[in-house]
Amino acid sequence: MFLKKSPILLLVLFSYASAQGKTKDELIKDLYGTNDNSTPENKPVTNRTPNLQPDTSGGIPGTGSCTCVPYYLCSNGSVNTNGEGIIDIRINEGPCENYIDVCCEKGNEVEQPITPTPPPIKRTGCGHHNPDGIGFRITGNTENEASYGEFPWMVAVLREETIEGNPQKLNVYQCGGALIHTQVVVTAAHCVTGKKQFKIRAGEWDTQTKKELYPHQDREVESVVIHPEFYAGALYNDVALLFLKTPVDIADNVNVVCLPPEGANVDHARCYASGWGKDVFGKEGRYQVILKKIDLPVVPRDKCQEALRKTRLGKHFELHKSFICAGGEPKKDTCKGDGGSPLVCPIPGQSEKYQQAGIVAWGIGCGENNTPGVYVNLALFRKWIDKEMKLKNFDTSVYEY
């Protein structure tokens, strides 16, 4: 708990201090610390600061004069020597309005971002997972928030809409998707069928701020190719490709995922699903501001079908061959709004490298115990994807591992 600075509270504390033989200055030092730069050289500093209001000169009581800047534009110890800050996404009780910002001492602001030290070996190819994120590390991620840049293939599929009398277009969140090429996104067919005028956003993380180290990238969708055997009634063959007008730029927070070979089996693998979908099923659920992730086990087909037959689907339900299942653990599932988002599984023998095994398709509720979620079996569509890519003269080697 942080103490708020109020005259009544300080008066009581000053009275207590006098009884203890302390001066007012000593009490302020006890409460707020000093600005003696005594932080160890390599000790990370978070923005977990008391809830104090800046004074009229822009300074903070007990710390001297400072100004709020993004963490990567301050050189006074708010970031580590390698430029990788530590940010608590749940704490926003300091003098800065945005948790990305830190209070930087006057004269220590810089114009060029302090970026993380690059790895000794430049990673190339698809599917590189960043478990600790990039640019900064987060704490306070108590609700399965993904780290910034953890899944660089993750994209938001947006639908452009216009309001009568307003020439400005609105970007409405439609679904998730994944980059398999700098100019191609794979998503669920049910997300894009019967609709047009899409764009994608790559490199997104917190949808309510633009202050991350690396910017997100928006690209317009030039064409949509839906699998010819897609059946909207039961979501069979629920896969589509979005071809972009211009390619995205590969960056630390934007890259492509690997695809599994035709017919690959990932039963029992521990995989990740990610998205901005609802936190719980039903009207009480809220769409997420920060990208979420959940780890799920892939459930073999026979066990999944057996579990689904115990739901309202009934004892005669047959799981279509175009699906795989993952989950079944209580309160761990994808949900409404996660449609089209990727389910990625580790590539055996390759550290922190992932292949996209599935696409979020449907489920019975969200996070029901012993009821897995249902995903498109992407390995079943590898030949179809390759064929469509070659028709557009796109390189298919970019998603091979």
Protein backbone atom coordinates (compact mmCIF):
# COMPACT_ATOMS: atom_id res chain seq x y z
CA MET A 1 0.00 0.00 0.00
CA PHE A 2 1.28 3.44 -0.88
CA LEU A 3 0.77 6.52 1.27
CA LYS A 4 -0.94 9.50 -0.32
CA LYS A 5 0.46 12.88 0.55
CA SER A 6 -2.25 14.84 2.39
CA PRO A 7 -1.79 17.69 4.92
CA ILE A 8 -3.79 15.86 7.61
CA LEU A 9 -1.80 12.65 7.21
CA LEU A 10 1.53 14.48 7.27
CA LEU A 11 0.47 16.48 10.34
CA VAL A 12 -0.25 13.25 12.22
CA LEU A 13 3.03 11.74 11.05
CA PHE A 14 5.01 14.84 12.01
CA SER A 15 3.49 14.68 15.49
CA TYR A 16 4.51 11.03 15.73
CA ALA A 17 7.99 11.88 14.48
CA SER A 18 8.43 14.54 17.14
CA ALA A 19 7.55 12.01 19.80
CA GLN A 20 10.21 9.72 18.36
CA GLY A 21 12.83 12.48 18.27
CA LYS A 22 12.86 12.75 14.46
CA THR A 23 12.84 15.96 12.43
CA LYS A 24 10.44 16.62 9.56
CA ASP A 25 13.29 16.20 7.05
CA GLU A 26 14.19 12.82 8.53
CA LEU A 27 10.59 11.70 8.28
CA ILE A 28 10.34 12.77 4.62
CA LYS A 29 13.55 10.89 3.93
CA ASP A 30 12.10 7.77 5.58
CA LEU A 31 8.89 8.03 3.54
CA TYR A 32 10.15 9.04 0.12
CA GLY A 33 13.85 8.32 0.09
CA THR A 34 16.43 10.64 -1.39
CA ASN A 35 17.87 11.44 -4.78
CA ASP A 36 21.38 10.32 -3.98
CA ASN A 37 21.56 7.90 -6.95
CA SER A 38 22.42 5.07 -4.58
CA THR A 39 20.79 2.41 -6.74
CA PRO A 40 23.33 -0.34 -7.53
CA GLU A 41 24.64 0.01 -11.07
CA ASN A 42 22.94 -3.08 -12.49
CA LYS A 43 19.88 -3.22 -10.25
CA PRO A 44 16.69 -2.71 -12.28
CA VAL A 45 14.47 0.15 -11.27
CA THR A 46 10.72 -0.16 -11.77
CA ASN A 47 8.09 2.53 -11.84
CA ARG A 48 6.58 1.15 -8.65
CA THR A 49 6.66 4.61 -7.05
CA PRO A 50 4.45 6.13 -4.33
CA ASN A 51 1.28 7.88 -5.43
CA LEU A 52 2.68 11.40 -5.40
CA GLN A 53 1.65 14.35 -7.51
CA PRO A 54 4.36 16.39 -9.30
CA ASP A 55 4.91 19.88 -7.94
CA THR A 56 4.41 22.98 -10.09
CA SER A 57 8.01 22.93 -11.28
CA GLY A 58 7.69 19.42 -12.71
CA GLY A 59 9.61 17.78 -9.90
CA ILE A 60 8.57 15.18 -7.33
CA PRO A 61 8.85 15.69 -3.56
CA GLY A 62 12.04 14.08 -2.33
CA THR A 63 13.45 13.32 -5.77
CA GLY A 64 14.24 16.65 -7.36
CA SER A 65 13.13 17.95 -10.74
CA CYS A 66 12.12 15.40 -13.39
CA THR A 67 9.86 14.87 -16.37
CA CYS A 68 7.85 11.88 -17.62
CA VAL A 69 9.26 10.19 -20.72
CA PRO A 70 9.00 6.67 -22.18
CA TYR A 71 11.35 4.31 -20.36
CA TYR A 72 13.63 3.97 -23.41
CA LEU A 73 14.31 7.74 -23.54
CA CYS A 74 15.79 8.09 -20.05
CA SER A 75 19.43 7.37 -19.21
CA ASN A 76 19.41 7.91 -15.44
CA GLY A 77 19.04 4.31 -14.35
CA SER A 78 15.40 3.75 -15.24
CA VAL A 79 16.64 1.08 -17.61
CA ASN A 80 19.36 -1.48 -17.25
CA THR A 81 22.70 -0.98 -18.94
CA ASN A 82 21.51 -3.15 -21.82
CA GLY A 83 18.42 -0.99 -22.26
CA GLU A 84 15.98 -3.60 -21.01
CA GLY A 85 13.64 -1.99 -18.50
CA ILE A 86 11.39 -3.69 -15.99
CA ILE A 87 7.82 -2.45 -15.98
CA ASP A 88 4.94 -3.41 -13.73
CA ILE A 89 1.85 -3.36 -15.93
CA ARG A 90 -0.43 -3.38 -12.88
CA ILE A 91 1.10 -0.36 -11.16
CA ASN A 92 0.21 3.12 -12.33
CA GLU A 93 0.40 5.07 -9.10
CA GLY A 94 3.40 7.26 -9.74
CA PRO A 95 3.63 10.77 -11.16
CA CYS A 96 3.41 9.57 -14.77
CA GLU A 97 0.04 8.92 -16.35
CA ASN A 98 1.23 5.96 -18.47
CA TYR A 99 2.93 2.90 -16.97
CA ILE A 100 5.33 2.88 -19.93
CA ASP A 101 6.67 6.25 -18.77
CA VAL A 102 9.27 6.84 -16.07
CA CYS A 103 10.13 10.02 -14.20
CA CYS A 104 13.43 11.07 -15.70
CA GLU A 105 15.71 13.63 -14.07
CA LYS A 106 16.10 16.82 -16.06
CA GLY A 107 19.13 16.58 -18.33
CA ASN A 108 19.01 12.81 -18.58
CA GLU A 109 16.45 12.66 -21.36
CA VAL A 110 17.74 11.34 -24.69
CA GLU A 111 16.32 11.57 -28.21
CA GLN A 112 17.52 8.21 -29.48
CA PRO A 113 15.87 5.15 -27.86
CA ILE A 114 18.02 3.09 -25.50
CA THR A 115 17.54 -0.29 -27.15
CA PRO A 116 18.38 -3.74 -25.80
CA THR A 117 21.76 -5.21 -26.59
CA PRO A 118 21.31 -7.53 -29.60
CA PRO A 119 21.92 -11.24 -29.02
CA PRO A 120 25.43 -12.49 -29.86
CA ILE A 121 24.00 -14.61 -32.69
CA LYS A 122 21.44 -13.01 -34.98
CA ARG A 123 18.42 -15.29 -35.15
CA THR A 124 17.01 -15.90 -38.59
CA GLY A 125 14.08 -17.86 -39.89
CA CYS A 126 10.56 -18.42 -38.62
CA GLY A 127 8.94 -19.21 -35.29
CA HIS A 128 11.26 -17.52 -32.79
CA HIS A 129 9.49 -17.13 -29.45
CA ASN A 130 10.63 -14.38 -27.05
CA PRO A 131 9.60 -15.69 -23.60
CA ASP A 132 11.06 -12.69 -21.74
CA GLY A 133 9.77 -10.18 -24.25
CA ILE A 134 11.82 -7.48 -25.99
CA GLY A 135 12.76 -3.97 -24.96
CA PHE A 136 11.46 -4.41 -21.43
CA ARG A 137 10.39 -7.14 -19.07
CA ILE A 138 7.07 -7.04 -17.27
CA THR A 139 5.98 -7.85 -13.76
CA GLY A 140 2.45 -7.73 -12.46
CA ASN A 141 1.23 -10.05 -15.24
CA THR A 142 -1.18 -11.88 -12.99
CA GLU A 143 -3.82 -12.46 -15.67
CA ASN A 144 -1.80 -14.32 -18.30
CA GLU A 145 -0.57 -11.23 -20.10
CA ALA A 146 1.98 -12.02 -22.79
CA SER A 147 5.32 -10.26 -22.68
CA TYR A 148 5.86 -7.44 -25.17
CA GLY A 149 7.05 -9.00 -28.45
CA GLU A 150 6.73 -12.53 -27.08
CA PHE A 151 4.76 -13.73 -30.12
CA PRO A 152 6.04 -11.60 -33.02
CA TRP A 153 3.81 -13.41 -35.55
CA MET A 154 0.60 -12.36 -33.78
CA VAL A 155 -1.61 -9.92 -35.68
CA ALA A 156 -4.99 -8.31 -35.17
CA VAL A 157 -7.38 -8.50 -38.11
CA LEU A 158 -9.31 -5.25 -38.35
CA ARG A 159 -12.40 -4.40 -40.37
CA GLU A 160 -12.71 -0.90 -41.75
CA GLU A 161 -16.11 0.72 -41.26
CA THR A 162 -17.48 4.15 -42.06
CA ILE A 163 -20.12 6.11 -40.20
CA GLU A 164 -22.63 8.06 -42.24
CA GLY A 165 -21.65 11.70 -42.39
CA ASN A 166 -18.13 11.00 -41.13
CA PRO A 167 -15.42 10.56 -43.81
CA GLN A 168 -13.00 9.03 -41.30
CA LYS A 169 -12.85 5.22 -41.28
CA LEU A 170 -13.01 3.26 -38.05
CA ASN A 171 -10.88 0.19 -37.36
CA VAL A 172 -13.03 -2.47 -35.71
CA TYR A 173 -11.33 -5.51 -34.19
CA GLN A 174 -12.47 -8.63 -36.01
CA CYS A 175 -10.22 -11.58 -35.13
CA GLY A 176 -6.68 -12.70 -34.54
CA GLY A 177 -4.27 -14.06 -37.12
CA ALA A 178 -0.65 -15.02 -37.68
CA LEU A 179 2.04 -13.92 -40.11
CA ILE A 180 3.37 -16.79 -42.21
CA HIS A 181 5.05 -14.46 -44.71
CA THR A 182 5.77 -10.74 -44.67
CA GLN A 183 2.80 -10.34 -47.02
CA VAL A 184 0.50 -13.18 -45.91
CA VAL A 185 -1.63 -13.79 -42.79
CA VAL A 186 -3.41 -17.02 -41.93
CA THR A 187 -6.68 -16.76 -40.01
CA ALA A 188 -10.06 -18.48 -39.66
CA ALA A 189 -12.42 -18.37 -42.63
CA HIS A 190 -15.37 -17.54 -40.38
CA CYS A 191 -13.65 -14.26 -39.48
CA VAL A 192 -13.57 -12.90 -43.02
CA THR A 193 -16.31 -14.61 -45.03
CA GLY A 194 -18.93 -12.23 -46.40
CA LYS A 195 -16.95 -9.17 -45.34
CA LYS A 196 -14.43 -6.89 -47.02
CA GLN A 197 -12.12 -3.96 -46.48
CA PHE A 198 -9.75 -5.52 -43.97
CA LYS A 199 -6.42 -4.43 -42.65
CA ILE A 200 -4.04 -6.17 -40.26
CA ARG A 201 -1.99 -4.80 -37.41
CA ALA A 202 1.33 -6.49 -36.63
CA GLY A 203 3.51 -5.81 -33.61
CA GLU A 204 0.58 -4.81 -31.39
CA TRP A 205 0.62 -5.52 -27.64
CA ASP A 206 -1.23 -2.99 -25.50
CA THR A 207 -4.06 -1.67 -27.64
CA GLN A 208 -4.42 1.48 -25.53
CA THR A 209 -0.91 2.87 -25.87
CA LYS A 210 1.48 3.71 -28.69
CA LYS A 211 4.46 4.21 -26.40
CA GLU A 212 6.12 0.81 -26.77
CA LEU A 213 9.71 0.80 -27.99
CA TYR A 214 8.81 -0.46 -31.47
CA PRO A 215 5.74 0.75 -33.37
CA HIS A 216 2.98 -1.52 -34.61
CA GLN A 217 2.55 -1.84 -38.37
CA ASP A 218 -0.77 -1.55 -40.22
CA ARG A 219 -1.20 -3.04 -43.69
CA GLU A 220 -4.22 -3.15 -45.97
CA VAL A 221 -5.49 -6.53 -47.18
CA GLU A 222 -5.48 -6.79 -50.96
CA SER A 223 -7.29 -10.12 -51.30
CA VAL A 224 -8.83 -12.87 -49.19
CA VAL A 225 -8.67 -16.54 -50.15
CA ILE A 226 -11.03 -18.84 -48.23
CA HIS A 227 -10.66 -22.62 -48.37
CA PRO A 228 -13.03 -23.91 -51.08
CA GLU A 229 -14.51 -26.56 -48.75
CA PHE A 230 -15.21 -24.19 -45.86
CA TYR A 231 -18.62 -24.98 -44.37
CA ALA A 232 -19.90 -22.09 -42.27
CA GLY A 233 -22.62 -24.16 -40.60
CA ALA A 234 -20.21 -26.33 -38.65
CA LEU A 235 -16.94 -24.47 -39.41
CA TYR A 236 -15.35 -27.36 -41.30
CA ASN A 237 -12.11 -26.41 -43.10
CA ASP A 238 -12.15 -23.05 -41.33
CA VAL A 239 -9.01 -21.49 -42.83
CA ALA A 240 -8.31 -18.40 -44.91
CA LEU A 241 -5.29 -16.50 -46.23
CA LEU A 242 -5.05 -12.72 -46.27
CA PHE A 243 -2.71 -11.33 -48.93
CA LEU A 244 -1.46 -7.85 -48.06
CA LYS A 245 -1.01 -4.93 -50.46
CA THR A 246 2.47 -4.29 -49.08
CA PRO A 247 4.70 -6.47 -46.89
CA VAL A 248 5.34 -5.79 -43.24
CA ASP A 249 8.87 -4.97 -42.17
CA ILE A 250 10.58 -7.65 -40.12
CA ALA A 251 11.43 -6.18 -36.72
CA ASP A 252 12.10 -7.38 -33.19
CA ASN A 253 8.35 -7.35 -32.53
CA VAL A 254 7.24 -8.50 -36.02
CA ASN A 255 8.19 -11.83 -37.60
CA VAL A 256 6.69 -14.97 -39.13
CA VAL A 257 5.69 -18.26 -37.54
CA CYS A 258 6.67 -21.68 -38.87
CA LEU A 259 4.10 -24.06 -40.34
CA PRO A 260 4.03 -27.81 -39.65
CA PRO A 261 4.56 -30.28 -42.48
CA GLU A 262 1.50 -31.91 -44.01
CA GLY A 263 -0.08 -34.41 -41.60
CA ALA A 264 2.09 -33.55 -38.59
CA ASN A 265 0.80 -34.77 -35.22
CA VAL A 266 1.29 -32.72 -32.04
CA ASP A 267 -0.79 -34.79 -29.59
CA HIS A 268 0.13 -34.19 -25.92
CA ALA A 269 2.37 -31.21 -26.79
CA ARG A 270 2.18 -28.21 -24.44
CA CYS A 271 1.31 -25.27 -26.66
CA TYR A 272 0.41 -21.58 -26.49
CA ALA A 273 -2.69 -19.78 -27.68
CA SER A 274 -2.70 -15.97 -27.72
CA GLY A 275 -5.24 -13.26 -28.42
CA TRP A 276 -7.23 -10.24 -27.30
CA GLY A 277 -10.50 -12.15 -26.81
CA LYS A 278 -12.86 -12.17 -23.83
CA ASP A 279 -11.67 -13.24 -20.39
CA VAL A 280 -14.85 -15.21 -19.61
CA PHE A 281 -17.78 -16.50 -21.62
CA GLY A 282 -21.01 -14.51 -21.86
CA LYS A 283 -22.00 -10.90 -21.48
CA GLU A 284 -19.83 -10.50 -18.37
CA GLY A 285 -16.71 -11.14 -20.43
CA ARG A 286 -14.42 -8.28 -21.43
CA TYR A 287 -12.19 -8.00 -24.45
CA GLN A 288 -8.57 -7.65 -23.46
CA VAL A 289 -6.41 -4.55 -23.71
CA ILE A 290 -3.06 -6.32 -23.44
CA LEU A 291 -2.33 -9.45 -25.49
CA LYS A 292 -2.98 -12.57 -23.42
CA LYS A 293 -1.51 -16.05 -23.66
CA ILE A 294 -2.47 -19.43 -22.26
CA ASP A 295 -0.60 -22.72 -22.24
CA LEU A 296 -2.68 -25.71 -23.26
CA PRO A 297 -2.14 -29.43 -23.85
CA VAL A 298 -3.11 -30.84 -27.24
CA VAL A 299 -5.75 -33.52 -26.65
CA PRO A 300 -5.79 -36.65 -28.84
CA ARG A 301 -8.74 -36.87 -31.18
CA ASP A 302 -10.56 -39.79 -29.55
CA LYS A 303 -10.38 -38.25 -26.07
CA CYS A 304 -11.54 -34.90 -27.37
CA GLN A 305 -14.55 -36.37 -29.14
CA GLU A 306 -15.46 -38.31 -26.01
CA ALA A 307 -15.28 -35.13 -23.90
CA LEU A 308 -17.35 -33.11 -26.38
CA ARG A 309 -20.06 -35.81 -26.44
CA LYS A 310 -20.61 -35.14 -22.73
CA THR A 311 -21.63 -31.56 -23.53
CA ARG A 312 -24.80 -30.32 -25.19
CA LEU A 313 -23.41 -31.65 -28.49
CA GLY A 314 -24.67 -35.06 -27.43
CA LYS A 315 -23.46 -38.65 -27.61
CA HIS A 316 -23.59 -38.88 -31.42
CA PHE A 317 -21.32 -35.91 -32.11
CA GLU A 318 -18.46 -36.62 -34.52
CA LEU A 319 -15.40 -34.39 -34.58
CA HIS A 320 -14.56 -33.43 -38.15
CA LYS A 321 -11.14 -34.36 -39.48
CA SER A 322 -10.28 -30.68 -40.04
CA PHE A 323 -10.10 -30.06 -36.27
CA ILE A 324 -7.71 -30.72 -33.42
CA CYS A 325 -8.35 -30.02 -29.74
CA ALA A 326 -6.43 -28.36 -26.94
CA GLY A 327 -7.19 -27.53 -23.33
CA GLY A 328 -9.73 -29.09 -21.00
CA GLU A 329 -8.15 -27.60 -17.91
CA PRO A 330 -10.39 -25.39 -15.73
CA LYS A 331 -10.29 -21.65 -16.47
CA LYS A 332 -7.70 -22.09 -19.20
CA ASP A 333 -9.08 -21.62 -22.69
CA THR A 334 -9.47 -19.32 -25.64
CA CYS A 335 -12.79 -17.46 -25.85
CA LYS A 336 -15.01 -15.19 -27.93
CA GLY A 337 -12.90 -12.77 -29.94
CA ASP A 338 -9.93 -15.14 -30.09
CA GLY A 339 -11.20 -16.66 -33.37
CA GLY A 340 -8.49 -16.82 -36.03
CA SER A 341 -5.71 -16.57 -33.45
CA PRO A 342 -2.84 -19.04 -33.56
CA LEU A 343 -2.18 -22.11 -31.43
CA VAL A 344 1.59 -22.63 -31.56
CA CYS A 345 3.54 -25.66 -30.40
CA PRO A 346 7.26 -26.11 -29.77
CA ILE A 347 9.33 -27.61 -32.58
CA PRO A 348 11.07 -30.70 -31.16
CA GLY A 349 14.79 -30.23 -30.68
CA GLN A 350 14.75 -26.47 -31.40
CA SER A 351 14.89 -24.17 -28.40
CA GLU A 352 12.13 -21.53 -28.24
CA LYS A 353 11.10 -22.15 -31.83
CA TYR A 354 7.42 -22.70 -32.58
CA GLN A 355 5.15 -23.97 -35.35
CA GLN A 356 1.49 -23.05 -35.76
CA ALA A 357 -0.47 -26.22 -35.17
CA GLY A 358 -3.94 -24.69 -34.99
CA ILE A 359 -6.28 -21.75 -35.49
CA VAL A 360 -8.87 -20.87 -32.84
CA ALA A 361 -12.22 -22.06 -34.25
CA TRP A 362 -14.92 -22.81 -31.65
CA GLY A 363 -15.68 -24.26 -28.24
CA ILE A 364 -18.41 -25.05 -25.73
CA GLY A 365 -18.26 -22.13 -23.34
CA CYS A 366 -14.80 -20.97 -22.24
CA GLY A 367 -12.55 -22.73 -19.76
CA GLU A 368 -15.00 -25.47 -18.81
CA ASN A 369 -13.33 -28.30 -16.89
CA ASN A 370 -12.60 -31.34 -19.08
CA THR A 371 -13.96 -29.62 -22.20
CA PRO A 372 -11.20 -28.87 -24.73
CA GLY A 373 -11.39 -26.02 -27.21
CA VAL A 374 -11.53 -26.82 -30.92
CA TYR A 375 -8.94 -25.56 -33.40
CA VAL A 376 -8.33 -25.83 -37.13
CA ASN A 377 -5.81 -28.62 -37.79
CA LEU A 378 -3.39 -26.50 -39.79
CA ALA A 379 -1.16 -29.44 -40.71
CA LEU A 380 -4.06 -30.75 -42.79
CA PHE A 381 -3.93 -27.64 -44.98
CA ARG A 382 -0.22 -27.27 -45.62
CA LYS A 383 -0.44 -28.36 -49.29
CA TRP A 384 -3.37 -26.02 -49.90
CA ILE A 385 -1.45 -23.12 -48.34
CA ASP A 386 1.64 -23.90 -50.41
CA LYS A 387 -0.44 -24.01 -53.58
CA GLU A 388 -2.11 -20.65 -52.92
CA MET A 389 1.24 -19.08 -52.05
CA LYS A 390 2.81 -20.27 -55.30
CA LEU A 391 -0.13 -18.93 -57.33
CA LYS A 392 0.85 -15.49 -55.98
CA ASN A 393 4.55 -16.16 -56.55
CA PHE A 394 5.32 -16.04 -52.84
CA ASP A 395 8.22 -17.98 -51.32
CA THR A 396 7.04 -20.92 -49.20
CA SER A 397 10.43 -21.55 -47.62
CA VAL A 398 9.94 -18.65 -45.19
CA TYR A 399 7.72 -20.78 -42.92
CA GLU A 400 9.70 -24.01 -43.22
CA TYR A 401 11.96 -25.20 -40.41
